[in-house]
C-alpha atoms as a PDB file:
ATOM      1  CA  MET A   1      17.639 -22.382 -17.659  1.00  0.00           C
ATOM      2  CA  PRO A   2      15.959 -24.101 -20.742  1.00  0.00           C
ATOM      3  CA  GLU A   3      16.085 -27.530 -18.903  1.00  0.00           C
ATOM      4  CA  GLN A   4      14.433 -25.983 -15.945  1.00  0.00           C
ATOM      5  CA  LEU A   5      11.658 -24.567 -18.087  1.00  0.00           C
ATOM      6  CA  ASP A   6      11.136 -27.835 -19.905  1.00  0.00           C
ATOM      7  CA  SER A   7      10.823 -29.526 -16.545  1.00  0.00           C
ATOM      8  CA  VAL A   8       8.219 -27.011 -15.388  1.00  0.00           C
ATOM      9  CA  ASP A   9       6.350 -27.490 -18.595  1.00  0.00           C
ATOM     10  CA  GLU A  10       6.387 -31.222 -18.116  1.00  0.00           C
ATOM     11  CA  LEU A  11       5.064 -30.962 -14.672  1.00  0.00           C
ATOM     12  CA  LEU A  12       2.262 -28.698 -15.768  1.00  0.00           C
ATOM     13  CA  ALA A  13       1.366 -31.009 -18.599  1.00  0.00           C
ATOM     14  CA  GLU A  14       1.217 -33.945 -16.084  1.00  0.00           C
ATOM     15  CA  LEU A  15      -1.090 -31.842 -13.854  1.00  0.00           C
ATOM     16  CA  LEU A  16      -3.379 -31.382 -16.819  1.00  0.00           C
ATOM     17  CA  ARG A  17      -3.345 -35.060 -17.544  1.00  0.00           C
ATOM     18  CA  ILE A  18      -4.223 -35.731 -13.891  1.00  0.00           C
ATOM     19  CA  SER A  19      -7.083 -33.303 -13.962  1.00  0.00           C
ATOM     20  CA  GLY A  20      -8.457 -35.033 -16.970  1.00  0.00           C
ATOM     21  CA  ARG A  21      -9.429 -38.016 -14.682  1.00  0.00           C
ATOM     22  CA  TRP A  22     -12.330 -36.010 -13.475  1.00  0.00           C
ATOM     23  CA  PRO A  23     -13.798 -34.369 -16.641  1.00  0.00           C
ATOM     24  CA  GLN A  24     -16.955 -33.397 -14.663  1.00  0.00           C
ATOM     25  CA  ALA A  25     -14.884 -31.127 -12.465  1.00  0.00           C
ATOM     26  CA  GLN A  26     -13.768 -29.038 -15.536  1.00  0.00           C
ATOM     27  CA  PHE A  27     -10.452 -28.099 -13.879  1.00  0.00           C
ATOM     28  CA  GLY A  28      -8.761 -24.940 -14.995  1.00  0.00           C
ATOM     29  CA  VAL A  29      -5.111 -24.915 -14.265  1.00  0.00           C
ATOM     30  CA  TYR A  30      -3.046 -21.722 -13.672  1.00  0.00           C
ATOM     31  CA  LEU A  31       0.583 -20.994 -13.085  1.00  0.00           C
ATOM     32  CA  HIS A  32       1.169 -17.834 -10.909  1.00  0.00           C
ATOM     33  CA  GLY A  33       3.858 -16.289  -8.972  1.00  0.00           C
ATOM     34  CA  SER A  34       7.468 -15.748  -9.986  1.00  0.00           C
ATOM     35  CA  ARG A  35       7.562 -18.437 -12.643  1.00  0.00           C
ATOM     36  CA  ALA A  36       4.413 -16.935 -14.405  1.00  0.00           C
ATOM     37  CA  ARG A  37       6.198 -13.538 -14.356  1.00  0.00           C
ATOM     38  CA  GLY A  38       9.517 -14.844 -15.609  1.00  0.00           C
ATOM     39  CA  GLU A  39      11.227 -13.893 -12.368  1.00  0.00           C
ATOM     40  CA  GLU A  40      11.967 -17.209 -11.042  1.00  0.00           C
ATOM     41  CA  ARG A  41      15.316 -18.215  -9.338  1.00  0.00           C
ATOM     42  CA  ALA A  42      16.848 -21.666  -9.187  1.00  0.00           C
ATOM     43  CA  HIS A  43      14.862 -22.789  -6.109  1.00  0.00           C
ATOM     44  CA  SER A  44      11.577 -20.889  -6.718  1.00  0.00           C
ATOM     45  CA  ASP A  45       8.359 -22.698  -6.040  1.00  0.00           C
ATOM     46  CA  VAL A  46       6.001 -23.709  -8.800  1.00  0.00           C
ATOM     47  CA  ASP A  47       2.790 -21.999  -7.735  1.00  0.00           C
ATOM     48  CA  VAL A  48      -0.269 -23.637  -9.304  1.00  0.00           C
ATOM     49  CA  THR A  49      -3.824 -23.043  -8.657  1.00  0.00           C
ATOM     50  CA  ALA A  50      -6.640 -25.114 -10.201  1.00  0.00           C
ATOM     51  CA  LEU A  51     -10.237 -24.017 -10.303  1.00  0.00           C
ATOM     52  CA  ALA A  52     -13.186 -26.423 -10.544  1.00  0.00           C
ATOM     53  CA  ASP A  53     -16.851 -26.455 -11.353  1.00  0.00           C
ATOM     54  CA  PRO A  54     -18.964 -25.325  -8.286  1.00  0.00           C
ATOM     55  CA  SER A  55     -20.597 -28.775  -8.061  1.00  0.00           C
ATOM     56  CA  THR A  56     -17.263 -30.604  -7.746  1.00  0.00           C
ATOM     57  CA  PRO A  57     -17.237 -32.690  -4.524  1.00  0.00           C
ATOM     58  CA  PRO A  58     -14.483 -31.866  -2.012  1.00  0.00           C
ATOM     59  CA  GLU A  59     -13.094 -35.461  -2.330  1.00  0.00           C
ATOM     60  CA  VAL A  60     -12.509 -34.935  -6.165  1.00  0.00           C
ATOM     61  CA  ILE A  61     -10.646 -31.768  -5.496  1.00  0.00           C
ATOM     62  CA  GLN A  62      -8.500 -33.377  -2.756  1.00  0.00           C
ATOM     63  CA  ALA A  63      -7.878 -36.499  -5.015  1.00  0.00           C
ATOM     64  CA  PHE A  64      -6.492 -34.053  -7.654  1.00  0.00           C
ATOM     65  CA  VAL A  65      -4.269 -32.297  -5.270  1.00  0.00           C
ATOM     66  CA  THR A  66      -2.959 -35.599  -3.822  1.00  0.00           C
ATOM     67  CA  ALA A  67      -2.242 -37.066  -7.152  1.00  0.00           C
ATOM     68  CA  GLY A  68      -0.563 -33.835  -8.346  1.00  0.00           C
ATOM     69  CA  ARG A  69       1.865 -33.812  -5.387  1.00  0.00           C
ATOM     70  CA  ALA A  70       2.634 -37.449  -5.980  1.00  0.00           C
ATOM     71  CA  CYS A  71       3.462 -37.294  -9.691  1.00  0.00           C
ATOM     72  CA  ASN A  72       6.871 -38.297 -10.929  1.00  0.00           C
ATOM     73  CA  ASP A  73       8.713 -34.963 -11.585  1.00  0.00           C
ATOM     74  CA  PRO A  74      11.904 -33.570 -10.068  1.00  0.00           C
ATOM     75  CA  LEU A  75      10.160 -30.286  -9.287  1.00  0.00           C
ATOM     76  CA  VAL A  76       7.264 -31.859  -7.359  1.00  0.00           C
ATOM     77  CA  ASP A  77       9.123 -31.088  -4.071  1.00  0.00           C
ATOM     78  CA  ARG A  78       8.712 -27.348  -4.917  1.00  0.00           C
ATOM     79  CA  LEU A  79       5.182 -27.614  -6.165  1.00  0.00           C
ATOM     80  CA  ASP A  80       2.664 -25.388  -4.327  1.00  0.00           C
ATOM     81  CA  LEU A  81      -0.545 -26.780  -5.640  1.00  0.00           C
ATOM     82  CA  LYS A  82      -3.978 -25.594  -4.485  1.00  0.00           C
ATOM     83  CA  ALA A  83      -7.447 -26.249  -5.845  1.00  0.00           C
ATOM     84  CA  PHE A  84     -10.836 -24.709  -5.143  1.00  0.00           C
ATOM     85  CA  THR A  85     -14.261 -24.506  -6.576  1.00  0.00           C
ATOM     86  CA  THR A  86     -14.921 -21.315  -8.540  1.00  0.00           C
ATOM     87  CA  THR A  87     -17.431 -20.340  -5.904  1.00  0.00           C
ATOM     88  CA  ARG A  88     -15.001 -20.444  -3.138  1.00  0.00           C
ATOM     89  CA  PHE A  89     -12.342 -18.613  -5.127  1.00  0.00           C
ATOM     90  CA  ALA A  90     -14.701 -15.788  -6.097  1.00  0.00           C
ATOM     91  CA  ALA A  91     -15.398 -15.257  -2.457  1.00  0.00           C
ATOM     92  CA  ASP A  92     -11.713 -14.600  -1.798  1.00  0.00           C
ATOM     93  CA  PRO A  93      -9.707 -14.173  -5.018  1.00  0.00           C
ATOM     94  CA  TRP A  94      -6.277 -14.141  -3.443  1.00  0.00           C
ATOM     95  CA  VAL A  95      -4.645 -14.932  -6.833  1.00  0.00           C
ATOM     96  CA  LYS A  96      -4.938 -12.368  -9.640  1.00  0.00           C
ATOM     97  CA  LEU A  97      -5.833 -14.734 -12.437  1.00  0.00           C
ATOM     98  CA  GLN A  98      -5.447 -12.078 -15.146  1.00  0.00           C
ATOM     99  CA  ARG A  99      -1.733 -11.985 -14.391  1.00  0.00           C
ATOM    100  CA  ALA A 100      -1.457 -15.790 -14.259  1.00  0.00           C
ATOM    101  CA  ARG A 101      -0.461 -18.072 -17.049  1.00  0.00           C
ATOM    102  CA  PHE A 102      -3.357 -20.219 -18.126  1.00  0.00           C
ATOM    103  CA  ILE A 103      -2.090 -23.872 -18.606  1.00  0.00           C
ATOM    104  CA  GLY A 104      -5.161 -25.622 -19.810  1.00  0.00           C
ATOM    105  CA  GLY A 105      -8.535 -27.189 -19.033  1.00  0.00           C
ATOM    106  CA  ARG A 106     -11.430 -24.735 -18.742  1.00  0.00           C
ATOM    107  CA  ASP A 107     -10.429 -21.087 -18.513  1.00  0.00           C
ATOM    108  CA  TRP A 108     -12.663 -19.635 -15.806  1.00  0.00           C
ATOM    109  CA  ARG A 109     -11.251 -16.024 -16.044  1.00  0.00           C
ATOM    110  CA  HIS A 110     -14.144 -14.918 -18.323  1.00  0.00           C
ATOM    111  CA  VAL A 111     -16.800 -16.410 -15.970  1.00  0.00           C
ATOM    112  CA  LEU A 112     -15.641 -15.234 -12.569  1.00  0.00           C
ATOM    113  CA  PRO A 113     -16.657 -11.745 -11.474  1.00  0.00           C
ATOM    114  CA  HIS A 114     -14.114  -9.012 -11.742  1.00  0.00           C
ATOM    115  CA  PRO A 115     -12.362  -7.970  -8.504  1.00  0.00           C
ATOM    116  CA  THR A 116     -14.190  -5.277  -6.642  1.00  0.00           C
ATOM    117  CA  PHE A 117     -12.787  -2.072  -5.122  1.00  0.00           C
ATOM    118  CA  ASP A 118     -13.241  -3.780  -1.796  1.00  0.00           C
ATOM    119  CA  GLU A 119     -10.866  -6.563  -2.835  1.00  0.00           C
ATOM    120  CA  HIS A 120      -8.325  -4.224  -4.521  1.00  0.00           C
ATOM    121  CA  ALA A 121      -8.276  -1.928  -1.457  1.00  0.00           C
ATOM    122  CA  ARG A 122      -7.676  -4.647   1.067  1.00  0.00           C
ATOM    123  CA  GLU A 123      -3.892  -4.784   0.444  1.00  0.00           C
ATOM    124  CA  ALA A 124      -3.381  -1.073   1.268  1.00  0.00           C
ATOM    125  CA  LEU A 125      -5.431  -1.451   4.415  1.00  0.00           C
ATOM    126  CA  GLY A 126      -3.532  -4.543   5.486  1.00  0.00           C
ATOM    127  CA  VAL A 127      -0.206  -2.629   5.116  1.00  0.00           C
ATOM    128  CA  PHE A 128      -1.539   0.333   6.995  1.00  0.00           C
ATOM    129  CA  ARG A 129      -2.735  -1.905   9.795  1.00  0.00           C
ATOM    130  CA  VAL A 130       0.869  -3.065  10.261  1.00  0.00           C
ATOM    131  CA  ILE A 131       2.077   0.508  10.154  1.00  0.00           C
ATOM    132  CA  ALA A 132      -0.521   1.690  12.589  1.00  0.00           C
ATOM    133  CA  GLU A 133       0.280  -1.043  15.109  1.00  0.00           C
ATOM    134  CA  ASP A 134       3.961  -0.048  15.019  1.00  0.00           C
ATOM    135  CA  SER A 135       3.686   3.484  16.106  1.00  0.00           C
ATOM    136  CA  ASP A 136       7.419   4.013  16.569  1.00  0.00           C
ATOM    137  CA  LEU A 137       8.725   5.992  13.732  1.00  0.00           C
ATOM    138  CA  SER A 138      11.932   7.107  15.519  1.00  0.00           C
ATOM    139  CA  HIS A 139      14.159   4.884  13.354  1.00  0.00           C
ATOM    140  CA  THR A 140      12.399   5.504  10.027  1.00  0.00           C
ATOM    141  CA  ASP A 141      14.438   7.347   7.448  1.00  0.00           C
ATOM    142  CA  LYS A 142      13.219   9.789   4.831  1.00  0.00           C
ATOM    143  CA  ALA A 143      12.447   7.129   2.312  1.00  0.00           C
ATOM    144  CA  GLY A 144      10.553   5.114   4.912  1.00  0.00           C
ATOM    145  CA  ILE A 145       8.448   8.025   5.914  1.00  0.00           C
ATOM    146  CA  GLU A 146       7.665   8.750   2.240  1.00  0.00           C
ATOM    147  CA  LYS A 147       6.640   5.161   1.693  1.00  0.00           C
ATOM    148  CA  ILE A 148       4.311   5.154   4.747  1.00  0.00           C
ATOM    149  CA  LEU A 149       2.699   8.375   3.461  1.00  0.00           C
ATOM    150  CA  ALA A 150       2.197   6.894   0.046  1.00  0.00           C
ATOM    151  CA  TRP A 151       0.216   4.044   1.612  1.00  0.00           C
ATOM    152  CA  MET A 152      -1.842   6.614   3.555  1.00  0.00           C
ATOM    153  CA  ALA A 153      -2.434   8.561   0.265  1.00  0.00           C
ATOM    154  CA  ALA A 154      -3.601   5.321  -1.467  1.00  0.00           C
ATOM    155  CA  ILE A 155      -6.024   4.530   1.334  1.00  0.00           C
ATOM    156  CA  VAL A 156      -7.543   8.044   1.498  1.00  0.00           C
ATOM    157  CA  ALA A 157      -7.723   8.445  -2.238  1.00  0.00           C
ATOM    158  CA  GLY A 158      -9.279   5.007  -2.755  1.00  0.00           C
ATOM    159  CA  HIS A 159     -11.977   5.382  -0.079  1.00  0.00           C
ATOM    160  CA  THR A 160     -12.982   8.939  -1.091  1.00  0.00           C
ATOM    161  CA  THR A 161     -13.173   8.162  -4.771  1.00  0.00           C
ATOM    162  CA  GLY A 162     -14.059   4.433  -4.930  1.00  0.00           C
ATOM    163  CA  ILE A 163     -11.091   3.827  -7.310  1.00  0.00           C
ATOM    164  CA  ALA A 164      -8.129   1.878  -6.013  1.00  0.00           C
ATOM    165  CA  PRO A 165      -5.018   3.762  -7.280  1.00  0.00           C
ATOM    166  CA  ALA A 166      -2.316   1.713  -8.977  1.00  0.00           C
ATOM    167  CA  SER A 167       0.570   3.712  -7.374  1.00  0.00           C
ATOM    168  CA  GLY A 168       1.418   6.338  -4.809  1.00  0.00           C
ATOM    169  CA  THR A 169       1.781   8.906  -7.601  1.00  0.00           C
ATOM    170  CA  GLU A 170      -1.674   8.181  -8.937  1.00  0.00           C
ATOM    171  CA  ALA A 171      -3.090   8.452  -5.344  1.00  0.00           C
ATOM    172  CA  ARG A 172      -1.606  11.871  -4.835  1.00  0.00           C
ATOM    173  CA  SER A 173      -3.025  13.031  -8.163  1.00  0.00           C
ATOM    174  CA  MET A 174      -6.377  11.818  -7.108  1.00  0.00           C
ATOM    175  CA  LEU A 175      -6.172  13.530  -3.644  1.00  0.00           C
ATOM    176  CA  ARG A 176      -5.260  16.908  -5.297  1.00  0.00           C
ATOM    177  CA  ASP A 177      -8.224  16.496  -7.665  1.00  0.00           C
ATOM    178  CA  ASN A 178     -10.827  15.779  -5.027  1.00  0.00           C
ATOM    179  CA  LEU A 179      -9.507  18.196  -2.419  1.00  0.00           C
ATOM    180  CA  HIS A 180     -10.058  16.068   0.611  1.00  0.00           C
ATOM    181  CA  PRO A 181      -8.500  17.907   3.560  1.00  0.00           C
ATOM    182  CA  LEU A 182      -6.777  14.771   4.902  1.00  0.00           C
ATOM    183  CA  GLY A 183      -5.504  13.854   1.500  1.00  0.00           C
ATOM    184  CA  LEU A 184      -4.104  17.379   0.898  1.00  0.00           C
ATOM    185  CA  ASP A 185      -2.337  17.259   4.218  1.00  0.00           C
ATOM    186  CA  ILE A 186      -0.664  13.962   3.363  1.00  0.00           C
ATOM    187  CA  ASP A 187       0.387  15.302  -0.006  1.00  0.00           C
ATOM    188  CA  ALA A 188       1.748  18.546   1.572  1.00  0.00           C
ATOM    189  CA  LEU A 189       4.019  16.519   3.924  1.00  0.00           C
ATOM    190  CA  LEU A 190       5.188  14.474   0.994  1.00  0.00           C
ATOM    191  CA  ARG A 191       5.998  17.668  -0.917  1.00  0.00           C
ATOM    192  CA  ASP A 192       7.870  19.067   2.080  1.00  0.00           C
ATOM    193  CA  LEU A 193       9.901  15.890   2.355  1.00  0.00           C
ATOM    194  CA  GLU A 194      10.723  15.870  -1.314  1.00  0.00           C
ATOM    195  CA  ALA A 195      11.864  19.478  -1.183  1.00  0.00           C
ATOM    196  CA  GLU A 196      14.440  18.662   1.455  1.00  0.00           C
ATOM    197  CA  THR A 197      17.613  17.501  -0.263  1.00  0.00           C
ATOM    198  CA  THR A 198      19.747  17.371   2.874  1.00  0.00           C
ATOM    199  CA  VAL A 199      17.525  16.443   5.761  1.00  0.00           C
ATOM    200  CA  THR A 200      19.529  16.296   8.985  1.00  0.00           C
ATOM    201  CA  ASP A 201      16.702  16.225  11.550  1.00  0.00           C
ATOM    202  CA  LEU A 202      13.498  14.203  10.721  1.00  0.00           C
ATOM    203  CA  ALA A 203      11.874  14.695  14.197  1.00  0.00           C
ATOM    204  CA  GLY A 204       9.360  17.318  12.854  1.00  0.00           C
ATOM    205  CA  TYR A 205       8.453  15.209   9.832  1.00  0.00           C
ATOM    206  CA  ARG A 206       7.949  12.120  12.048  1.00  0.00           C
ATOM    207  CA  ARG A 207       5.686  14.044  14.371  1.00  0.00           C
ATOM    208  CA  ARG A 208       3.598  15.249  11.469  1.00  0.00           C
ATOM    209  CA  ALA A 209       3.517  11.683  10.036  1.00  0.00           C
ATOM    210  CA  HIS A 210       2.325  10.351  13.419  1.00  0.00           C
ATOM    211  CA  LYS A 211      -0.535  12.862  13.500  1.00  0.00           C
ATOM    212  CA  LEU A 212      -1.588  11.916   9.918  1.00  0.00           C
ATOM    213  CA  GLN A 213      -1.464   8.279  10.819  1.00  0.00           C
ATOM    214  CA  ASP A 214      -3.773   8.864  13.711  1.00  0.00           C
ATOM    215  CA  ARG A 215      -6.091  10.917  11.386  1.00  0.00           C
ATOM    216  CA  VAL A 216      -6.190   8.090   8.791  1.00  0.00           C
ATOM    217  CA  THR A 217      -6.963   5.640  11.546  1.00  0.00           C
ATOM    218  CA  GLU A 218      -9.913   7.848  12.694  1.00  0.00           C
ATOM    219  CA  PHE A 219     -11.045   8.280   9.084  1.00  0.00           C
ATOM    220  CA  LEU A 220     -11.185   4.490   8.596  1.00  0.00           C
ATOM    221  CA  LEU A 221     -13.033   3.979  11.802  1.00  0.00           C
ATOM    222  CA  ALA A 222     -15.599   6.660  10.818  1.00  0.00           C
ATOM    223  CA  GLU A 223     -16.038   4.879   7.498  1.00  0.00           C
ATOM    224  CA  LEU A 224     -16.551   1.573   9.342  1.00  0.00           C
ATOM    225  CA  ARG A 225     -19.103   3.028  11.723  1.00  0.00           C
ATOM    226  CA  ALA A 226     -20.996   4.622   8.829  1.00  0.00           C
ATOM    227  CA  GLY A 227     -21.159   1.313   7.000  1.00  0.00           C
ATOM    228  CA  ARG A 228     -19.211   2.529   3.984  1.00  0.00           C
ATOM    229  CA  LEU A 229     -16.678  -0.245   3.915  1.00  0.00           C
ATOM    230  CA  GLY A 230     -17.075  -3.442   1.977  1.00  0.00           C
ATOM    231  CA  PRO A 231     -16.816  -6.759   3.860  1.00  0.00           C
ATOM    232  CA  ARG A 232     -13.112  -7.302   3.285  1.00  0.00           C
ATOM    233  CA  CYS A 233     -12.129  -3.748   4.167  1.00  0.00           C
ATOM    234  CA  ALA A 234     -14.360  -3.780   7.178  1.00  0.00           C
ATOM    235  CA  GLU A 235     -12.773  -7.102   8.369  1.00  0.00           C
ATOM    236  CA  THR A 236      -9.341  -5.415   8.138  1.00  0.00           C
ATOM    237  CA  VAL A 237     -10.348  -2.222   9.856  1.00  0.00           C
ATOM    238  CA  CYS A 238     -12.046  -4.208  12.679  1.00  0.00           C
ATOM    239  CA  GLY A 239      -8.745  -5.932  13.152  1.00  0.00           C
ATOM    240  CA  LEU A 240      -7.011  -2.596  13.302  1.00  0.00           C
ATOM    241  CA  ALA A 241      -9.519  -1.349  15.919  1.00  0.00           C
ATOM    242  CA  ALA A 242      -9.168  -4.428  17.964  1.00  0.00           C
ATOM    243  CA  SER A 243      -5.315  -4.270  17.981  1.00  0.00           C
ATOM    244  CA  LEU A 244      -5.403  -0.605  18.949  1.00  0.00           C
ATOM    245  CA  ARG A 245      -7.742  -1.301  21.866  1.00  0.00           C
ATOM    246  CA  ARG A 246      -5.322  -3.980  23.136  1.00  0.00           C
ATOM    247  CA  ALA A 247      -2.430  -1.534  22.921  1.00  0.00           C
END
């Protein structure tokens, strides 16, 4: 493992040297993914994102990426290198830089705007869209139903309080505090499932989960029609509505 880490560090150092060819770009280089979290395996990718000054021409950014992927390092075949201007990244911050490992250059993390609720909430909505499009719960076990309900709880709690919960447990606590009827019904079904230690027939629980799923969908569509969703959440819910119409 130490040899592997040394090789990654050498690769990252080489990327920094390459970025120095364009000082006007002020590249900031970040390692993210499993290697930044210390969870890498033998064949894990080396996920690197570089951010550049907003005035950096596209050809400079492309030249950096091309040179980085061509550098002489045994790990370059597993290098997933991307580069953007900070303006483009701020419009769609798909990497959580606060959890990334800053390698060097200019650290843009203190300049970029903090992620909004709209950005945080998009993940829960994306998962729910997949759940809603697959309406068949007949093969879902008790743990699966509980997981689906936890995602529903996160969506309703987030969109009724404006705070994206960090976990299903936090979402349920928020729902109980704000007394939203839909949220309370989700929490009630979760409590009923948790109280069942030896469930032999889940049909009734699946029916209740289906109804709650439909209600959450209607809740989100109402939020969309009322203009209460941010642009990213609105895009996801529009996709959900379109897929349901096709079905």
